[in-house]
ModelCIF file with pLDDT and N, C-alpha, C, O atoms, coordinates in Angstrom:
data_MODEL
#
_entry.id   MODEL 
#
_entity.id                         1 
_entity.type                       polymer 
_entity.pdbx_number_of_molecules   1 
#
_entity_poly.entity_id                      1 
_entity_poly.type                           'polypeptide(L)' 
_entity_poly.nstd_linkage                   no 
_entity_poly.nstd_monomer                   no 
_entity_poly.pdbx_seq_one_letter_code       INTMAWYRQAPGKQRELVATITRGGTTDYVDSVKGRFTISRDNA 
_entity_poly.pdbx_seq_one_letter_code_can   INTMAWYRQAPGKQRELVATITRGGTTDYVDSVKGRFTISRDNA 
_entity_poly.pdbx_strand_id                 A 
#
loop_
_entity_poly_seq.entity_id 
_entity_poly_seq.num 
_entity_poly_seq.mon_id 
_entity_poly_seq.hetero 
1 1  ILE n 
1 2  ASN n 
1 3  THR n 
1 4  MET n 
1 5  ALA n 
1 6  TRP n 
1 7  TYR n 
1 8  ARG n 
1 9  GLN n 
1 10 ALA n 
1 11 PRO n 
1 12 GLY n 
1 13 LYS n 
1 14 GLN n 
1 15 ARG n 
1 16 GLU n 
1 17 LEU n 
1 18 VAL n 
1 19 ALA n 
1 20 THR n 
1 21 ILE n 
1 22 THR n 
1 23 ARG n 
1 24 GLY n 
1 25 GLY n 
1 26 THR n 
1 27 THR n 
1 28 ASP n 
1 29 TYR n 
1 30 VAL n 
1 31 ASP n 
1 32 SER n 
1 33 VAL n 
1 34 LYS n 
1 35 GLY n 
1 36 ARG n 
1 37 PHE n 
1 38 THR n 
1 39 ILE n 
1 40 SER n 
1 41 ARG n 
1 42 ASP n 
1 43 ASN n 
1 44 ALA n 
#
_struct_asym.id          A 
_struct_asym.entity_id   1 
#
loop_
_ma_qa_metric.id 
_ma_qa_metric.mode 
_ma_qa_metric.name 
_ma_qa_metric.software_group_id 
_ma_qa_metric.type 
1 global pLDDT . pLDDT 
2 local  pLDDT . pLDDT 
#
_ma_qa_metric_global.metric_id      1 
_ma_qa_metric_global.metric_value   95.14 
_ma_qa_metric_global.model_id       1 
_ma_qa_metric_global.ordinal_id     1 
#
loop_
_ma_qa_metric_local.label_asym_id 
_ma_qa_metric_local.label_comp_id 
_ma_qa_metric_local.label_seq_id 
_ma_qa_metric_local.metric_id 
_ma_qa_metric_local.metric_value 
_ma_qa_metric_local.model_id 
_ma_qa_metric_local.ordinal_id 
A ILE 1  2 90.00 1 1  
A ASN 2  2 92.00 1 2  
A THR 3  2 94.00 1 3  
A MET 4  2 96.00 1 4  
A ALA 5  2 98.00 1 5  
A TRP 6  2 98.00 1 6  
A TYR 7  2 98.00 1 7  
A ARG 8  2 98.00 1 8  
A GLN 9  2 98.00 1 9  
A ALA 10 2 97.00 1 10 
A PRO 11 2 92.00 1 11 
A GLY 12 2 95.00 1 12 
A LYS 13 2 96.00 1 13 
A GLN 14 2 97.00 1 14 
A ARG 15 2 97.00 1 15 
A GLU 16 2 97.00 1 16 
A LEU 17 2 98.00 1 17 
A VAL 18 2 98.00 1 18 
A ALA 19 2 98.00 1 19 
A THR 20 2 98.00 1 20 
A ILE 21 2 96.00 1 21 
A THR 22 2 94.00 1 22 
A ARG 23 2 90.00 1 23 
A GLY 24 2 90.00 1 24 
A GLY 25 2 92.00 1 25 
A THR 26 2 96.00 1 26 
A THR 27 2 98.00 1 27 
A ASP 28 2 98.00 1 28 
A TYR 29 2 98.00 1 29 
A VAL 30 2 98.00 1 30 
A ASP 31 2 98.00 1 31 
A SER 32 2 97.00 1 32 
A VAL 33 2 98.00 1 33 
A LYS 34 2 98.00 1 34 
A GLY 35 2 97.00 1 35 
A ARG 36 2 98.00 1 36 
A PHE 37 2 98.00 1 37 
A THR 38 2 98.00 1 38 
A ILE 39 2 98.00 1 39 
A SER 40 2 97.00 1 40 
A ARG 41 2 94.00 1 41 
A ASP 42 2 89.00 1 42 
A ASN 43 2 73.00 1 43 
A ALA 44 2 78.00 1 44 
#
loop_
_atom_site.group_PDB 
_atom_site.id 
_atom_site.type_symbol 
_atom_site.label_atom_id 
_atom_site.label_alt_id 
_atom_site.label_comp_id 
_atom_site.label_asym_id 
_atom_site.label_entity_id 
_atom_site.label_seq_id 
_atom_site.pdbx_PDB_ins_code 
_atom_site.Cartn_x 
_atom_site.Cartn_y 
_atom_site.Cartn_z 
_atom_site.occupancy 
_atom_site.B_iso_or_equiv 
_atom_site.pdbx_formal_charge 
_atom_site.auth_seq_id 
_atom_site.auth_comp_id 
_atom_site.auth_asym_id 
_atom_site.auth_atom_id 
_atom_site.pdbx_PDB_model_num 
ATOM 1   N N  . ILE A 1 1  ? 166.350 120.179 96.960 1.00 90.00 ? 1  ILE A N  1 
ATOM 2   C CA . ILE A 1 1  ? 165.382 121.222 96.613 1.00 90.00 ? 1  ILE A CA 1 
ATOM 3   C C  . ILE A 1 1  ? 163.982 120.823 97.055 1.00 90.00 ? 1  ILE A C  1 
ATOM 4   O O  . ILE A 1 1  ? 163.515 119.729 96.736 1.00 90.00 ? 1  ILE A O  1 
ATOM 5   N N  . ASN A 1 2  ? 163.317 121.698 97.782 1.00 92.00 ? 2  ASN A N  1 
ATOM 6   C CA . ASN A 1 2  ? 161.925 121.463 98.138 1.00 92.00 ? 2  ASN A CA 1 
ATOM 7   C C  . ASN A 1 2  ? 161.061 122.465 97.391 1.00 92.00 ? 2  ASN A C  1 
ATOM 8   O O  . ASN A 1 2  ? 160.581 122.174 96.296 1.00 92.00 ? 2  ASN A O  1 
ATOM 9   N N  . THR A 1 3  ? 160.860 123.631 97.967 1.00 94.00 ? 3  THR A N  1 
ATOM 10  C CA . THR A 1 3  ? 160.036 124.648 97.313 1.00 94.00 ? 3  THR A CA 1 
ATOM 11  C C  . THR A 1 3  ? 160.856 125.440 96.311 1.00 94.00 ? 3  THR A C  1 
ATOM 12  O O  . THR A 1 3  ? 162.001 125.808 96.576 1.00 94.00 ? 3  THR A O  1 
ATOM 13  N N  . MET A 1 4  ? 160.253 125.699 95.153 1.00 96.00 ? 4  MET A N  1 
ATOM 14  C CA . MET A 1 4  ? 160.850 126.567 94.151 1.00 96.00 ? 4  MET A CA 1 
ATOM 15  C C  . MET A 1 4  ? 159.901 127.727 93.891 1.00 96.00 ? 4  MET A C  1 
ATOM 16  O O  . MET A 1 4  ? 158.701 127.648 94.155 1.00 96.00 ? 4  MET A O  1 
ATOM 17  N N  . ALA A 1 5  ? 160.469 128.800 93.370 1.00 98.00 ? 5  ALA A N  1 
ATOM 18  C CA . ALA A 1 5  ? 159.655 129.999 93.198 1.00 98.00 ? 5  ALA A CA 1 
ATOM 19  C C  . ALA A 1 5  ? 160.073 130.788 91.969 1.00 98.00 ? 5  ALA A C  1 
ATOM 20  O O  . ALA A 1 5  ? 161.208 130.694 91.501 1.00 98.00 ? 5  ALA A O  1 
ATOM 21  N N  . TRP A 1 6  ? 159.138 131.559 91.465 1.00 98.00 ? 6  TRP A N  1 
ATOM 22  C CA . TRP A 1 6  ? 159.409 132.577 90.447 1.00 98.00 ? 6  TRP A CA 1 
ATOM 23  C C  . TRP A 1 6  ? 159.234 133.945 91.097 1.00 98.00 ? 6  TRP A C  1 
ATOM 24  O O  . TRP A 1 6  ? 158.237 134.212 91.767 1.00 98.00 ? 6  TRP A O  1 
ATOM 25  N N  . TYR A 1 7  ? 160.217 134.791 90.884 1.00 98.00 ? 7  TYR A N  1 
ATOM 26  C CA . TYR A 1 7  ? 160.155 136.193 91.275 1.00 98.00 ? 7  TYR A CA 1 
ATOM 27  C C  . TYR A 1 7  ? 160.254 137.040 90.014 1.00 98.00 ? 7  TYR A C  1 
ATOM 28  O O  . TYR A 1 7  ? 160.638 136.549 88.952 1.00 98.00 ? 7  TYR A O  1 
ATOM 29  N N  . ARG A 1 8  ? 159.909 138.302 90.139 1.00 98.00 ? 8  ARG A N  1 
ATOM 30  C CA . ARG A 1 8  ? 160.115 139.234 89.037 1.00 98.00 ? 8  ARG A CA 1 
ATOM 31  C C  . ARG A 1 8  ? 160.506 140.596 89.595 1.00 98.00 ? 8  ARG A C  1 
ATOM 32  O O  . ARG A 1 8  ? 160.172 140.956 90.724 1.00 98.00 ? 8  ARG A O  1 
ATOM 33  N N  . GLN A 1 9  ? 161.226 141.337 88.761 1.00 98.00 ? 9  GLN A N  1 
ATOM 34  C CA . GLN A 1 9  ? 161.638 142.678 89.156 1.00 98.00 ? 9  GLN A CA 1 
ATOM 35  C C  . GLN A 1 9  ? 161.484 143.610 87.962 1.00 98.00 ? 9  GLN A C  1 
ATOM 36  O O  . GLN A 1 9  ? 162.155 143.455 86.942 1.00 98.00 ? 9  GLN A O  1 
ATOM 37  N N  . ALA A 1 10 ? 160.594 144.573 88.109 1.00 97.00 ? 10 ALA A N  1 
ATOM 38  C CA . ALA A 1 10 ? 160.397 145.589 87.077 1.00 97.00 ? 10 ALA A CA 1 
ATOM 39  C C  . ALA A 1 10 ? 161.349 146.747 87.335 1.00 97.00 ? 10 ALA A C  1 
ATOM 40  O O  . ALA A 1 10 ? 161.809 146.928 88.462 1.00 97.00 ? 10 ALA A O  1 
ATOM 41  N N  . PRO A 1 11 ? 161.651 147.533 86.306 1.00 92.00 ? 11 PRO A N  1 
ATOM 42  C CA . PRO A 1 11 ? 162.571 148.669 86.483 1.00 92.00 ? 11 PRO A CA 1 
ATOM 43  C C  . PRO A 1 11 ? 162.096 149.613 87.579 1.00 92.00 ? 11 PRO A C  1 
ATOM 44  O O  . PRO A 1 11 ? 160.941 150.040 87.583 1.00 92.00 ? 11 PRO A O  1 
ATOM 45  N N  . GLY A 1 12 ? 162.978 149.932 88.495 1.00 95.00 ? 12 GLY A N  1 
ATOM 46  C CA . GLY A 1 12 ? 162.659 150.871 89.558 1.00 95.00 ? 12 GLY A CA 1 
ATOM 47  C C  . GLY A 1 12 ? 161.812 150.302 90.678 1.00 95.00 ? 12 GLY A C  1 
ATOM 48  O O  . GLY A 1 12 ? 161.397 151.035 91.575 1.00 95.00 ? 12 GLY A O  1 
ATOM 49  N N  . LYS A 1 13 ? 161.550 148.998 90.637 1.00 96.00 ? 13 LYS A N  1 
ATOM 50  C CA . LYS A 1 13 ? 160.713 148.380 91.656 1.00 96.00 ? 13 LYS A CA 1 
ATOM 51  C C  . LYS A 1 13 ? 161.466 147.278 92.375 1.00 96.00 ? 13 LYS A C  1 
ATOM 52  O O  . LYS A 1 13 ? 162.479 146.776 91.889 1.00 96.00 ? 13 LYS A O  1 
ATOM 53  N N  . GLN A 1 14 ? 160.951 146.907 93.549 1.00 97.00 ? 14 GLN A N  1 
ATOM 54  C CA . GLN A 1 14 ? 161.559 145.821 94.306 1.00 97.00 ? 14 GLN A CA 1 
ATOM 55  C C  . GLN A 1 14 ? 161.211 144.475 93.674 1.00 97.00 ? 14 GLN A C  1 
ATOM 56  O O  . GLN A 1 14 ? 160.207 144.338 92.974 1.00 97.00 ? 14 GLN A O  1 
ATOM 57  N N  . ARG A 1 15 ? 162.053 143.499 93.934 1.00 97.00 ? 15 ARG A N  1 
ATOM 58  C CA . ARG A 1 15 ? 161.784 142.153 93.456 1.00 97.00 ? 15 ARG A CA 1 
ATOM 59  C C  . ARG A 1 15 ? 160.522 141.635 94.144 1.00 97.00 ? 15 ARG A C  1 
ATOM 60  O O  . ARG A 1 15 ? 160.338 141.808 95.349 1.00 97.00 ? 15 ARG A O  1 
ATOM 61  N N  . GLU A 1 16 ? 159.660 140.998 93.355 1.00 97.00 ? 16 GLU A N  1 
ATOM 62  C CA . GLU A 1 16 ? 158.346 140.563 93.830 1.00 97.00 ? 16 GLU A CA 1 
ATOM 63  C C  . GLU A 1 16 ? 158.198 139.064 93.657 1.00 97.00 ? 16 GLU A C  1 
ATOM 64  O O  . GLU A 1 16 ? 158.554 138.518 92.613 1.00 97.00 ? 16 GLU A O  1 
ATOM 65  N N  . LEU A 1 17 ? 157.665 138.387 94.691 1.00 98.00 ? 17 LEU A N  1 
ATOM 66  C CA . LEU A 1 17 ? 157.365 136.967 94.584 1.00 98.00 ? 17 LEU A CA 1 
ATOM 67  C C  . LEU A 1 17 ? 156.124 136.794 93.711 1.00 98.00 ? 17 LEU A C  1 
ATOM 68  O O  . LEU A 1 17 ? 155.091 137.415 93.959 1.00 98.00 ? 17 LEU A O  1 
ATOM 69  N N  . VAL A 1 18 ? 156.233 135.946 92.691 1.00 98.00 ? 18 VAL A N  1 
ATOM 70  C CA . VAL A 1 18 ? 155.127 135.737 91.758 1.00 98.00 ? 18 VAL A CA 1 
ATOM 71  C C  . VAL A 1 18 ? 154.378 134.444 92.068 1.00 98.00 ? 18 VAL A C  1 
ATOM 72  O O  . VAL A 1 18 ? 153.150 134.441 92.157 1.00 98.00 ? 18 VAL A O  1 
ATOM 73  N N  . ALA A 1 19 ? 155.120 133.342 92.232 1.00 98.00 ? 19 ALA A N  1 
ATOM 74  C CA . ALA A 1 19 ? 154.473 132.051 92.446 1.00 98.00 ? 19 ALA A CA 1 
ATOM 75  C C  . ALA A 1 19 ? 155.456 131.090 93.091 1.00 98.00 ? 19 ALA A C  1 
ATOM 76  O O  . ALA A 1 19 ? 156.670 131.206 92.925 1.00 98.00 ? 19 ALA A O  1 
ATOM 77  N N  . THR A 1 20 ? 154.901 130.135 93.834 1.00 98.00 ? 20 THR A N  1 
ATOM 78  C CA . THR A 1 20 ? 155.718 129.111 94.467 1.00 98.00 ? 20 THR A CA 1 
ATOM 79  C C  . THR A 1 20 ? 155.114 127.739 94.224 1.00 98.00 ? 20 THR A C  1 
ATOM 80  O O  . THR A 1 20 ? 153.911 127.609 93.996 1.00 98.00 ? 20 THR A O  1 
ATOM 81  N N  . ILE A 1 21 ? 155.963 126.714 94.274 1.00 96.00 ? 21 ILE A N  1 
ATOM 82  C CA . ILE A 1 21 ? 155.489 125.339 94.147 1.00 96.00 ? 21 ILE A CA 1 
ATOM 83  C C  . ILE A 1 21 ? 156.366 124.459 95.036 1.00 96.00 ? 21 ILE A C  1 
ATOM 84  O O  . ILE A 1 21 ? 157.593 124.535 94.986 1.00 96.00 ? 21 ILE A O  1 
ATOM 85  N N  . THR A 1 22 ? 155.718 123.624 95.849 1.00 94.00 ? 22 THR A N  1 
ATOM 86  C CA . THR A 1 22 ? 156.460 122.723 96.713 1.00 94.00 ? 22 THR A CA 1 
ATOM 87  C C  . THR A 1 22 ? 156.806 121.444 95.965 1.00 94.00 ? 22 THR A C  1 
ATOM 88  O O  . THR A 1 22 ? 156.334 121.213 94.852 1.00 94.00 ? 22 THR A O  1 
ATOM 89  N N  . ARG A 1 23 ? 157.639 120.614 96.594 1.00 90.00 ? 23 ARG A N  1 
ATOM 90  C CA . ARG A 1 23 ? 157.973 119.327 95.986 1.00 90.00 ? 23 ARG A CA 1 
ATOM 91  C C  . ARG A 1 23 ? 156.714 118.491 95.771 1.00 90.00 ? 23 ARG A C  1 
ATOM 92  O O  . ARG A 1 23 ? 156.621 117.724 94.812 1.00 90.00 ? 23 ARG A O  1 
ATOM 93  N N  . GLY A 1 24 ? 155.756 118.646 96.665 1.00 90.00 ? 24 GLY A N  1 
ATOM 94  C CA . GLY A 1 24 ? 154.517 117.885 96.548 1.00 90.00 ? 24 GLY A CA 1 
ATOM 95  C C  . GLY A 1 24 ? 153.531 118.467 95.565 1.00 90.00 ? 24 GLY A C  1 
ATOM 96  O O  . GLY A 1 24 ? 152.486 117.871 95.304 1.00 90.00 ? 24 GLY A O  1 
ATOM 97  N N  . GLY A 1 25 ? 153.853 119.642 95.009 1.00 92.00 ? 25 GLY A N  1 
ATOM 98  C CA . GLY A 1 25 ? 152.983 120.217 93.993 1.00 92.00 ? 25 GLY A CA 1 
ATOM 99  C C  . GLY A 1 25 ? 152.030 121.282 94.475 1.00 92.00 ? 25 GLY A C  1 
ATOM 100 O O  . GLY A 1 25 ? 151.215 121.770 93.691 1.00 92.00 ? 25 GLY A O  1 
ATOM 101 N N  . THR A 1 26 ? 152.100 121.661 95.733 1.00 96.00 ? 26 THR A N  1 
ATOM 102 C CA . THR A 1 26 ? 151.240 122.733 96.235 1.00 96.00 ? 26 THR A CA 1 
ATOM 103 C C  . THR A 1 26 ? 151.719 124.067 95.678 1.00 96.00 ? 26 THR A C  1 
ATOM 104 O O  . THR A 1 26 ? 152.908 124.382 95.727 1.00 96.00 ? 26 THR A O  1 
ATOM 105 N N  . THR A 1 27 ? 150.792 124.838 95.155 1.00 98.00 ? 27 THR A N  1 
ATOM 106 C CA . THR A 1 27 ? 151.142 126.093 94.502 1.00 98.00 ? 27 THR A CA 1 
ATOM 107 C C  . THR A 1 27 ? 150.509 127.290 95.201 1.00 98.00 ? 27 THR A C  1 
ATOM 108 O O  . THR A 1 27 ? 149.511 127.166 95.910 1.00 98.00 ? 27 THR A O  1 
ATOM 109 N N  . ASP A 1 28 ? 151.110 128.437 94.983 1.00 98.00 ? 28 ASP A N  1 
ATOM 110 C CA . ASP A 1 28 ? 150.570 129.687 95.514 1.00 98.00 ? 28 ASP A CA 1 
ATOM 111 C C  . ASP A 1 28 ? 150.980 130.808 94.565 1.00 98.00 ? 28 ASP A C  1 
ATOM 112 O O  . ASP A 1 28 ? 152.025 130.740 93.919 1.00 98.00 ? 28 ASP A O  1 
ATOM 113 N N  . TYR A 1 29 ? 150.142 131.842 94.491 1.00 98.00 ? 29 TYR A N  1 
ATOM 114 C CA . TYR A 1 29 ? 150.364 132.929 93.534 1.00 98.00 ? 29 TYR A CA 1 
ATOM 115 C C  . TYR A 1 29 ? 150.102 134.280 94.186 1.00 98.00 ? 29 TYR A C  1 
ATOM 116 O O  . TYR A 1 29 ? 149.288 134.404 95.102 1.00 98.00 ? 29 TYR A O  1 
ATOM 117 N N  . VAL A 1 30 ? 150.806 135.281 93.694 1.00 98.00 ? 30 VAL A N  1 
ATOM 118 C CA . VAL A 1 30 ? 150.469 136.639 94.083 1.00 98.00 ? 30 VAL A CA 1 
ATOM 119 C C  . VAL A 1 30 ? 149.130 136.982 93.423 1.00 98.00 ? 30 VAL A C  1 
ATOM 120 O O  . VAL A 1 30 ? 148.834 136.499 92.330 1.00 98.00 ? 30 VAL A O  1 
ATOM 121 N N  . ASP A 1 31 ? 148.337 137.802 94.077 1.00 98.00 ? 31 ASP A N  1 
ATOM 122 C CA . ASP A 1 31 ? 146.979 138.068 93.600 1.00 98.00 ? 31 ASP A CA 1 
ATOM 123 C C  . ASP A 1 31 ? 146.949 138.582 92.158 1.00 98.00 ? 31 ASP A C  1 
ATOM 124 O O  . ASP A 1 31 ? 146.026 138.261 91.408 1.00 98.00 ? 31 ASP A O  1 
ATOM 125 N N  . SER A 1 32 ? 147.936 139.366 91.769 1.00 97.00 ? 32 SER A N  1 
ATOM 126 C CA . SER A 1 32 ? 147.909 140.014 90.460 1.00 97.00 ? 32 SER A CA 1 
ATOM 127 C C  . SER A 1 32 ? 148.046 139.036 89.291 1.00 97.00 ? 32 SER A C  1 
ATOM 128 O O  . SER A 1 32 ? 147.766 139.405 88.150 1.00 97.00 ? 32 SER A O  1 
ATOM 129 N N  . VAL A 1 33 ? 148.470 137.799 89.554 1.00 98.00 ? 33 VAL A N  1 
ATOM 130 C CA . VAL A 1 33 ? 148.640 136.833 88.458 1.00 98.00 ? 33 VAL A CA 1 
ATOM 131 C C  . VAL A 1 33 ? 147.689 135.643 88.574 1.00 98.00 ? 33 VAL A C  1 
ATOM 132 O O  . VAL A 1 33 ? 147.663 134.786 87.690 1.00 98.00 ? 33 VAL A O  1 
ATOM 133 N N  . LYS A 1 34 ? 146.921 135.582 89.639 1.00 98.00 ? 34 LYS A N  1 
ATOM 134 C CA . LYS A 1 34 ? 145.995 134.457 89.822 1.00 98.00 ? 34 LYS A CA 1 
ATOM 135 C C  . LYS A 1 34 ? 145.018 134.375 88.658 1.00 98.00 ? 34 LYS A C  1 
ATOM 136 O O  . LYS A 1 34 ? 144.434 135.374 88.237 1.00 98.00 ? 34 LYS A O  1 
ATOM 137 N N  . GLY A 1 35 ? 144.858 133.154 88.150 1.00 97.00 ? 35 GLY A N  1 
ATOM 138 C CA . GLY A 1 35 ? 143.967 132.953 87.012 1.00 97.00 ? 35 GLY A CA 1 
ATOM 139 C C  . GLY A 1 35 ? 144.630 133.160 85.672 1.00 97.00 ? 35 GLY A C  1 
ATOM 140 O O  . GLY A 1 35 ? 144.058 132.813 84.639 1.00 97.00 ? 35 GLY A O  1 
ATOM 141 N N  . ARG A 1 36 ? 145.844 133.727 85.666 1.00 98.00 ? 36 ARG A N  1 
ATOM 142 C CA . ARG A 1 36 ? 146.543 133.964 84.394 1.00 98.00 ? 36 ARG A CA 1 
ATOM 143 C C  . ARG A 1 36 ? 147.834 133.160 84.289 1.00 98.00 ? 36 ARG A C  1 
ATOM 144 O O  . ARG A 1 36 ? 148.196 132.706 83.204 1.00 98.00 ? 36 ARG A O  1 
ATOM 145 N N  . PHE A 1 37 ? 148.526 132.984 85.405 1.00 98.00 ? 37 PHE A N  1 
ATOM 146 C CA . PHE A 1 37 ? 149.799 132.268 85.435 1.00 98.00 ? 37 PHE A CA 1 
ATOM 147 C C  . PHE A 1 37 ? 149.618 130.897 86.083 1.00 98.00 ? 37 PHE A C  1 
ATOM 148 O O  . PHE A 1 37 ? 148.802 130.727 86.990 1.00 98.00 ? 37 PHE A O  1 
ATOM 149 N N  . THR A 1 38 ? 150.396 129.918 85.599 1.00 98.00 ? 38 THR A N  1 
ATOM 150 C CA . THR A 1 38 ? 150.391 128.587 86.189 1.00 98.00 ? 38 THR A CA 1 
ATOM 151 C C  . THR A 1 38 ? 151.820 128.128 86.386 1.00 98.00 ? 38 THR A C  1 
ATOM 152 O O  . THR A 1 38 ? 152.607 128.098 85.439 1.00 98.00 ? 38 THR A O  1 
ATOM 153 N N  . ILE A 1 39 ? 152.159 127.769 87.620 1.00 98.00 ? 39 ILE A N  1 
ATOM 154 C CA . ILE A 1 39 ? 153.488 127.252 87.933 1.00 98.00 ? 39 ILE A CA 1 
ATOM 155 C C  . ILE A 1 39 ? 153.419 125.733 87.989 1.00 98.00 ? 39 ILE A C  1 
ATOM 156 O O  . ILE A 1 39 ? 152.433 125.168 88.461 1.00 98.00 ? 39 ILE A O  1 
ATOM 157 N N  . SER A 1 40 ? 154.468 125.072 87.507 1.00 97.00 ? 40 SER A N  1 
ATOM 158 C CA . SER A 1 40 ? 154.481 123.607 87.524 1.00 97.00 ? 40 SER A CA 1 
ATOM 159 C C  . SER A 1 40 ? 155.921 123.116 87.558 1.00 97.00 ? 40 SER A C  1 
ATOM 160 O O  . SER A 1 40 ? 156.863 123.874 87.328 1.00 97.00 ? 40 SER A O  1 
ATOM 161 N N  . ARG A 1 41 ? 156.066 121.810 87.856 1.00 94.00 ? 41 ARG A N  1 
ATOM 162 C CA . ARG A 1 41 ? 157.379 121.177 87.866 1.00 94.00 ? 41 ARG A CA 1 
ATOM 163 C C  . ARG A 1 41 ? 157.270 119.844 87.155 1.00 94.00 ? 41 ARG A C  1 
ATOM 164 O O  . ARG A 1 41 ? 156.205 119.227 87.163 1.00 94.00 ? 41 ARG A O  1 
ATOM 165 N N  . ASP A 1 42 ? 158.356 119.388 86.539 1.00 89.00 ? 42 ASP A N  1 
ATOM 166 C CA . ASP A 1 42 ? 158.330 118.079 85.910 1.00 89.00 ? 42 ASP A CA 1 
ATOM 167 C C  . ASP A 1 42 ? 158.501 116.998 86.977 1.00 89.00 ? 42 ASP A C  1 
ATOM 168 O O  . ASP A 1 42 ? 158.862 117.294 88.116 1.00 89.00 ? 42 ASP A O  1 
ATOM 169 N N  . ASN A 1 43 ? 158.242 115.755 86.605 1.00 73.00 ? 43 ASN A N  1 
ATOM 170 C CA . ASN A 1 43 ? 158.270 114.664 87.580 1.00 73.00 ? 43 ASN A CA 1 
ATOM 171 C C  . ASN A 1 43 ? 159.650 114.465 88.193 1.00 73.00 ? 43 ASN A C  1 
ATOM 172 O O  . ASN A 1 43 ? 159.759 114.065 89.352 1.00 73.00 ? 43 ASN A O  1 
ATOM 173 N N  . ALA A 1 44 ? 160.682 114.734 87.444 1.00 78.00 ? 44 ALA A N  1 
ATOM 174 C CA . ALA A 1 44 ? 162.035 114.569 87.965 1.00 78.00 ? 44 ALA A CA 1 
ATOM 175 C C  . ALA A 1 44 ? 162.425 115.706 88.886 1.00 78.00 ? 44 ALA A C  1 
ATOM 176 O O  . ALA A 1 44 ? 163.537 115.720 89.412 1.00 78.00 ? 44 ALA A O  1 
#
């Protein structure tokens, strides 16, 4: 496993990418959740 991601799907809508995190800890977010959501991974 390298990059992991969270997606979401609301009723009647397409699945949407919410946030991603690489093995090295680099993160990215969809604009609508920036500043509100935080993605993270444990050390293992």
